[in-house]
Amino acid sequence: MATETIDVKIPKELLIGMEKEKLVEEIKIFIAMRLYELKVLSLGKASELAGKNKDEFIETLSKHGIDVLRYSKEELNEEIKFLKGAK
């Protein structure tokens, strides 16, 4: 993924007790989660932005209550029908 550097001004009060690098890491994870949730980024691209592998990112999404599997109502119904027939 090509990168771009963005300068963001943060009030010093937010940095009390937190290293800049940690704050940047948290911001990147938050942005990645939000862009994934909005369907702007795929799971792979969002994981990359967050600096995590897919398994770690999936765990992070789950901890924040963000759905990883995205089924339309029709797809979900088809899956349910399939699973019922597999018994």
Protein backbone atom coordinates (compact mmCIF):
# COMPACT_ATOMS: atom_id res chain seq x y z
CA MET A 1 0.00 0.00 0.00
CA ALA A 2 1.43 3.39 -0.94
CA THR A 3 1.77 5.71 2.01
CA GLU A 4 1.40 9.41 2.64
CA THR A 5 2.52 11.36 5.69
CA ILE A 6 -0.12 13.48 7.39
CA ASP A 7 0.61 16.00 10.13
CA VAL A 8 -2.08 16.16 12.81
CA LYS A 9 -2.06 18.60 15.68
CA ILE A 10 -3.02 16.97 18.99
CA PRO A 11 -3.60 18.86 22.24
CA LYS A 12 -0.71 18.19 24.63
CA GLU A 13 -3.21 17.10 27.29
CA LEU A 14 -3.91 13.97 25.23
CA LEU A 15 -0.25 13.01 25.39
CA ILE A 16 -0.04 13.04 29.18
CA GLY A 17 1.07 9.57 30.18
CA MET A 18 1.16 8.33 26.58
CA GLU A 19 4.05 8.15 24.17
CA LYS A 20 3.53 9.75 20.74
CA GLU A 21 4.28 6.45 19.01
CA LYS A 22 1.58 4.66 21.04
CA LEU A 23 -0.96 7.37 20.23
CA VAL A 24 -0.13 7.15 16.51
CA GLU A 25 -0.52 3.35 16.69
CA GLU A 26 -3.94 3.68 18.37
CA ILE A 27 -5.10 6.28 15.83
CA LYS A 28 -4.10 4.03 12.94
CA ILE A 29 -5.99 1.10 14.46
CA PHE A 30 -9.08 3.25 15.04
CA ILE A 31 -9.02 4.61 11.49
CA ALA A 32 -8.53 1.11 10.07
CA MET A 33 -11.47 -0.24 12.08
CA ARG A 34 -13.72 2.63 11.03
CA LEU A 35 -12.80 2.39 7.34
CA TYR A 36 -13.38 -1.36 7.46
CA GLU A 37 -16.73 -0.86 9.17
CA LEU A 38 -17.74 1.65 6.48
CA LYS A 39 -16.65 -0.85 3.79
CA VAL A 40 -14.03 1.58 2.47
CA LEU A 41 -11.19 -0.90 3.08
CA SER A 42 -11.07 -4.66 2.75
CA LEU A 43 -10.05 -6.76 5.72
CA GLY A 44 -6.55 -7.17 4.29
CA LYS A 45 -6.01 -3.46 3.61
CA ALA A 46 -7.46 -2.45 6.98
CA SER A 47 -5.18 -4.98 8.71
CA GLU A 48 -2.22 -3.52 6.87
CA LEU A 49 -3.16 0.04 7.85
CA ALA A 50 -3.54 -1.04 11.48
CA GLY A 51 -0.12 -2.69 11.40
CA LYS A 52 -1.57 -6.07 12.36
CA ASN A 53 -1.90 -9.43 10.67
CA LYS A 54 -5.43 -10.47 9.71
CA ASP A 55 -5.95 -12.68 12.77
CA GLU A 56 -4.88 -9.90 15.14
CA PHE A 57 -7.08 -7.39 13.33
CA ILE A 58 -10.08 -9.72 13.41
CA GLU A 59 -9.58 -10.06 17.17
CA THR A 60 -9.39 -6.26 17.50
CA LEU A 61 -12.60 -5.85 15.49
CA SER A 62 -14.35 -8.41 17.67
CA LYS A 63 -13.22 -6.68 20.86
CA HIS A 64 -14.78 -3.47 19.55
CA GLY A 65 -18.04 -5.14 18.47
CA ILE A 66 -17.44 -4.75 14.74
CA ASP A 67 -18.78 -7.58 12.58
CA VAL A 68 -16.12 -9.42 10.65
CA LEU A 69 -18.44 -11.60 8.56
CA ARG A 70 -20.73 -9.60 6.34
CA TYR A 71 -23.70 -11.42 4.95
CA SER A 72 -26.65 -9.86 3.22
CA LYS A 73 -30.01 -11.15 4.42
CA GLU A 74 -30.25 -13.31 1.30
CA GLU A 75 -26.75 -14.76 1.74
CA LEU A 76 -27.44 -15.54 5.39
CA ASN A 77 -30.70 -17.31 4.49
CA GLU A 78 -28.88 -19.38 1.85
CA GLU A 79 -26.21 -20.37 4.38
CA ILE A 80 -28.87 -21.38 6.91
CA LYS A 81 -30.70 -23.47 4.27
CA PHE A 82 -27.43 -25.12 3.28
CA LEU A 83 -26.48 -25.92 6.88
CA LYS A 84 -29.93 -27.34 7.64
CA GLY A 85 -29.64 -29.58 4.57
CA ALA A 86 -26.18 -30.77 5.60
CA LYS A 87 -27.49 -32.52 8.73
